């Protein structure tokens, strides 16, 4: 199960980082301020933190 948790956590984390890069560059073209962009992308930050803890649990869990 720990390999599954690691794969799930890292997969979600990677997708969120990719989405953050795409969304921040596209929102930058709409002339939004840095604060507005960070407010819009805040849910992605929370999902990144959760996926980090999922991957960390997979690494630390011993069977």
Protein backbone atom coordinates (compact mmCIF):
# COMPACT_ATOMS: atom_id res chain seq x y z
CA UNK A 1 0.00 0.00 0.00
CA UNK A 2 2.87 2.41 0.62
CA UNK A 3 3.90 2.29 -3.06
CA UNK A 4 0.32 3.15 -3.97
CA UNK A 5 0.32 6.12 -1.60
CA UNK A 6 3.63 7.35 -2.97
CA UNK A 7 2.44 7.05 -6.57
CA UNK A 8 -0.87 8.73 -5.77
CA UNK A 9 0.72 11.58 -3.83
CA UNK A 10 3.46 12.27 -6.34
CA UNK A 11 1.02 12.00 -9.25
CA UNK A 12 -1.40 14.51 -7.75
CA UNK A 13 1.48 16.76 -6.74
CA UNK A 14 2.90 16.74 -10.28
CA UNK A 15 -0.44 17.51 -11.87
CA UNK A 16 -1.04 20.40 -9.47
CA UNK A 17 2.40 21.87 -10.18
CA UNK A 18 1.73 21.64 -13.91
CA UNK A 19 -1.69 23.27 -13.51
CA UNK A 20 -0.19 26.02 -11.34
CA UNK A 21 2.37 26.79 -14.06
CA UNK A 22 -0.26 26.83 -16.81
CA UNK A 23 -2.82 28.84 -14.86
CA UNK A 24 -0.35 31.38 -13.50
CA UNK A 25 1.05 32.09 -16.96
CA UNK A 26 -2.41 32.38 -18.51
CA UNK A 27 -3.71 34.56 -15.66
CA UNK A 28 -0.64 36.78 -15.99
CA UNK A 29 -1.74 37.61 -19.52
CA UNK A 30 -5.08 38.91 -18.23
CA UNK A 31 -3.34 41.75 -16.36
CA UNK A 32 -4.16 40.51 -12.87
CA UNK A 33 -1.98 41.47 -9.93
CA UNK A 34 0.24 38.92 -8.20
CA UNK A 35 -2.09 38.97 -5.17
CA UNK A 36 -5.14 38.22 -7.32
CA UNK A 37 -3.34 35.36 -9.07
CA UNK A 38 -2.25 33.86 -5.74
CA UNK A 39 -5.81 34.17 -4.40
CA UNK A 40 -7.19 32.37 -7.45
CA UNK A 41 -4.57 29.59 -7.25
CA UNK A 42 -4.90 29.10 -3.46
CA UNK A 43 -6.99 25.88 -3.79
CA UNK A 44 -4.16 24.34 -5.84
CA UNK A 45 -1.78 25.11 -2.99
CA UNK A 46 -3.99 23.27 -0.52
CA UNK A 47 -4.22 20.25 -2.84
CA UNK A 48 -0.41 20.29 -3.23
CA UNK A 49 0.04 20.22 0.54
CA UNK A 50 -2.42 17.33 0.92
CA UNK A 51 -0.72 15.36 -1.85
CA UNK A 52 2.66 15.99 -0.20
CA UNK A 53 1.38 14.48 3.03
CA UNK A 54 -0.07 11.49 1.14
CA UNK A 55 3.32 10.85 -0.46
CA UNK A 56 5.07 11.37 2.87
CA UNK A 57 2.73 8.87 4.55
CA UNK A 58 3.55 6.37 1.82
CA UNK A 59 7.26 6.85 2.36
CA UNK A 60 7.11 6.61 6.13
CA UNK A 61 4.58 3.78 6.34
CA UNK A 62 6.11 0.38 6.94
CA UNK A 63 4.39 -2.89 6.32
